[in-house]
N, C-alpha and C. Protein backbone atom coordinates (compact mmCIF):
# COMPACT_ATOMS: atom_id res chain seq x y z
N MET A 1 14.35 7.63 15.33
CA MET A 1 13.15 7.04 14.78
C MET A 1 13.09 7.34 13.28
N THR A 2 12.81 6.32 12.49
CA THR A 2 12.75 6.50 11.05
C THR A 2 11.39 7.03 10.64
N PRO A 3 11.35 7.87 9.61
CA PRO A 3 10.05 8.36 9.16
C PRO A 3 9.24 7.22 8.54
N VAL A 4 7.97 7.20 8.84
CA VAL A 4 7.09 6.14 8.35
C VAL A 4 6.11 6.76 7.37
N GLY A 5 5.85 6.06 6.28
CA GLY A 5 4.89 6.53 5.28
C GLY A 5 3.47 6.33 5.78
N TYR A 6 2.58 6.04 4.86
CA TYR A 6 1.16 5.88 5.19
C TYR A 6 0.93 4.59 5.96
N ARG A 7 0.14 4.68 7.02
CA ARG A 7 -0.26 3.49 7.78
C ARG A 7 -1.76 3.49 7.95
N HIS A 8 -2.34 2.28 8.01
CA HIS A 8 -3.79 2.14 8.12
C HIS A 8 -4.08 0.98 9.06
N THR A 9 -5.00 1.20 9.99
CA THR A 9 -5.43 0.14 10.90
C THR A 9 -6.78 -0.36 10.42
N ASN A 10 -6.86 -1.66 10.14
CA ASN A 10 -8.11 -2.21 9.60
C ASN A 10 -9.11 -2.45 10.72
N SER A 11 -10.26 -2.99 10.37
CA SER A 11 -11.35 -3.18 11.34
C SER A 11 -11.01 -4.23 12.39
N LYS A 12 -10.03 -5.07 12.13
CA LYS A 12 -9.62 -6.10 13.10
C LYS A 12 -8.54 -5.59 14.05
N GLY A 13 -8.11 -4.33 13.86
CA GLY A 13 -7.12 -3.73 14.75
C GLY A 13 -5.68 -3.98 14.35
N ILE A 14 -5.43 -4.48 13.15
CA ILE A 14 -4.07 -4.75 12.68
C ILE A 14 -3.60 -3.56 11.85
N THR A 15 -2.40 -3.06 12.15
CA THR A 15 -1.84 -1.92 11.43
C THR A 15 -1.01 -2.41 10.25
N TYR A 16 -1.27 -1.82 9.09
CA TYR A 16 -0.53 -2.14 7.87
C TYR A 16 0.15 -0.89 7.36
N TYR A 17 1.31 -1.06 6.70
CA TYR A 17 2.09 0.03 6.15
C TYR A 17 2.12 -0.08 4.63
N LEU A 18 1.97 1.06 3.95
CA LEU A 18 1.95 1.08 2.49
C LEU A 18 3.37 1.15 1.96
N ASN A 19 3.67 0.30 0.98
CA ASN A 19 4.98 0.25 0.33
C ASN A 19 4.79 0.36 -1.17
N SER A 20 5.85 0.76 -1.85
CA SER A 20 5.81 0.80 -3.31
C SER A 20 7.13 0.29 -3.85
N LYS A 21 7.08 -0.23 -5.06
CA LYS A 21 8.27 -0.75 -5.71
C LYS A 21 8.09 -0.62 -7.21
N GLN A 22 9.18 -0.29 -7.91
CA GLN A 22 9.13 -0.24 -9.36
C GLN A 22 9.54 -1.61 -9.90
N VAL A 23 8.68 -2.21 -10.71
CA VAL A 23 8.94 -3.53 -11.28
C VAL A 23 9.02 -3.40 -12.80
N THR A 24 9.67 -4.37 -13.41
CA THR A 24 9.78 -4.41 -14.87
C THR A 24 8.86 -5.50 -15.39
N LEU A 25 7.93 -5.11 -16.24
CA LEU A 25 6.99 -6.05 -16.84
C LEU A 25 7.58 -6.64 -18.11
N ARG A 26 6.87 -7.59 -18.69
CA ARG A 26 7.31 -8.12 -19.98
C ARG A 26 7.35 -6.99 -21.00
N GLY A 27 8.30 -7.03 -21.88
CA GLY A 27 8.46 -5.95 -22.85
C GLY A 27 9.26 -4.80 -22.27
N ASN A 28 9.89 -5.01 -21.11
CA ASN A 28 10.73 -4.01 -20.42
C ASN A 28 9.97 -2.75 -20.04
N ARG A 29 8.65 -2.84 -19.88
CA ARG A 29 7.87 -1.70 -19.40
C ARG A 29 7.97 -1.63 -17.89
N LYS A 30 8.20 -0.44 -17.36
CA LYS A 30 8.33 -0.27 -15.91
C LYS A 30 7.01 0.23 -15.34
N GLN A 31 6.66 -0.28 -14.15
CA GLN A 31 5.42 0.11 -13.50
C GLN A 31 5.65 0.12 -11.99
N VAL A 32 5.02 1.06 -11.31
CA VAL A 32 5.11 1.14 -9.85
C VAL A 32 3.94 0.36 -9.27
N ILE A 33 4.24 -0.56 -8.34
CA ILE A 33 3.19 -1.31 -7.66
C ILE A 33 3.15 -0.86 -6.20
N PHE A 34 1.97 -0.94 -5.61
CA PHE A 34 1.76 -0.59 -4.21
C PHE A 34 1.26 -1.82 -3.49
N TYR A 35 1.74 -2.03 -2.25
CA TYR A 35 1.31 -3.18 -1.47
C TYR A 35 1.39 -2.85 0.02
N PHE A 36 0.60 -3.55 0.82
CA PHE A 36 0.56 -3.35 2.26
C PHE A 36 1.30 -4.48 2.97
N THR A 37 2.04 -4.12 4.03
CA THR A 37 2.73 -5.10 4.86
C THR A 37 2.46 -4.80 6.32
N ARG A 38 2.65 -5.80 7.15
CA ARG A 38 2.46 -5.60 8.59
C ARG A 38 3.68 -4.95 9.24
N ASP A 39 4.84 -5.09 8.63
CA ASP A 39 6.07 -4.51 9.19
C ASP A 39 6.53 -3.33 8.34
N ILE A 40 7.41 -2.51 8.92
CA ILE A 40 7.95 -1.35 8.21
C ILE A 40 9.10 -1.83 7.34
N ARG A 41 9.06 -1.49 6.07
CA ARG A 41 10.09 -1.90 5.12
C ARG A 41 10.74 -0.67 4.50
N PRO A 42 11.90 -0.83 3.87
CA PRO A 42 12.59 0.33 3.29
C PRO A 42 11.83 1.01 2.16
N HIS A 43 10.86 0.33 1.57
CA HIS A 43 10.13 0.89 0.43
C HIS A 43 8.83 1.58 0.86
N HIS A 44 8.73 2.02 2.13
CA HIS A 44 7.49 2.64 2.58
C HIS A 44 7.25 3.95 1.83
N CYS A 45 5.97 4.31 1.68
CA CYS A 45 5.63 5.51 0.92
C CYS A 45 4.34 6.11 1.47
N ASP A 46 4.03 7.30 0.99
CA ASP A 46 2.79 7.97 1.36
C ASP A 46 1.68 7.53 0.40
N LEU A 47 0.45 7.82 0.79
CA LEU A 47 -0.71 7.50 -0.04
C LEU A 47 -0.65 8.34 -1.31
N PRO A 48 -0.64 7.71 -2.50
CA PRO A 48 -0.55 8.50 -3.74
C PRO A 48 -1.82 9.31 -3.98
N ALA A 49 -1.66 10.44 -4.64
CA ALA A 49 -2.80 11.30 -4.95
C ALA A 49 -3.77 10.58 -5.87
N GLY A 50 -5.05 10.76 -5.61
CA GLY A 50 -6.07 10.15 -6.45
C GLY A 50 -6.38 8.70 -6.10
N HIS A 51 -5.90 8.23 -4.96
CA HIS A 51 -6.15 6.86 -4.52
C HIS A 51 -6.76 6.87 -3.13
N GLU A 52 -7.48 5.80 -2.80
CA GLU A 52 -8.02 5.62 -1.46
C GLU A 52 -7.86 4.16 -1.07
N VAL A 53 -7.93 3.89 0.22
CA VAL A 53 -7.79 2.54 0.73
C VAL A 53 -9.17 1.93 0.88
N SER A 54 -9.32 0.72 0.36
CA SER A 54 -10.56 -0.03 0.56
C SER A 54 -10.24 -1.29 1.33
N GLU A 55 -11.20 -1.74 2.13
CA GLU A 55 -10.99 -2.91 2.97
C GLU A 55 -12.05 -3.96 2.65
N ASN A 56 -11.60 -5.20 2.51
CA ASN A 56 -12.52 -6.31 2.31
C ASN A 56 -13.20 -6.58 3.64
N PRO A 57 -14.52 -6.47 3.73
CA PRO A 57 -15.20 -6.64 5.02
C PRO A 57 -15.14 -8.06 5.57
N ARG A 58 -14.90 -9.03 4.72
CA ARG A 58 -14.87 -10.43 5.18
C ARG A 58 -13.57 -10.78 5.90
N ASN A 59 -12.44 -10.28 5.37
CA ASN A 59 -11.16 -10.69 5.97
C ASN A 59 -10.26 -9.53 6.39
N GLY A 60 -10.67 -8.29 6.16
CA GLY A 60 -9.88 -7.14 6.59
C GLY A 60 -8.72 -6.82 5.68
N PHE A 61 -8.62 -7.46 4.50
CA PHE A 61 -7.52 -7.23 3.57
C PHE A 61 -7.64 -5.83 2.97
N LEU A 62 -6.52 -5.11 2.88
CA LEU A 62 -6.51 -3.75 2.36
C LEU A 62 -6.05 -3.73 0.91
N ALA A 63 -6.61 -2.80 0.15
CA ALA A 63 -6.21 -2.61 -1.25
C ALA A 63 -6.33 -1.13 -1.59
N LEU A 64 -5.51 -0.68 -2.53
CA LEU A 64 -5.59 0.69 -3.03
C LEU A 64 -6.49 0.71 -4.26
N ARG A 65 -7.28 1.76 -4.39
CA ARG A 65 -8.07 1.91 -5.60
C ARG A 65 -8.08 3.38 -5.98
N LYS A 66 -8.24 3.61 -7.28
CA LYS A 66 -8.28 4.98 -7.79
C LYS A 66 -9.63 5.61 -7.50
N VAL A 67 -9.61 6.89 -7.19
CA VAL A 67 -10.84 7.66 -6.96
C VAL A 67 -11.10 8.45 -8.23
N PHE A 68 -12.26 8.30 -8.79
CA PHE A 68 -12.61 9.00 -10.03
C PHE A 68 -13.43 10.21 -9.76
């Protein structure tokens, strides 16, 4: 069994897995992006420090946001 990073089940009962990827922006600046998927992918990761998961109550969509 492969280790799985952070997973979250939304209010509709669907489980999503947190993934991250380093992308290159214009000007060759590198930035790490986080996204949720329904399946387990090789880029799975744990919940980063200082962030929390928020859910859109209308459609159950998950997003990461910083905690201040």
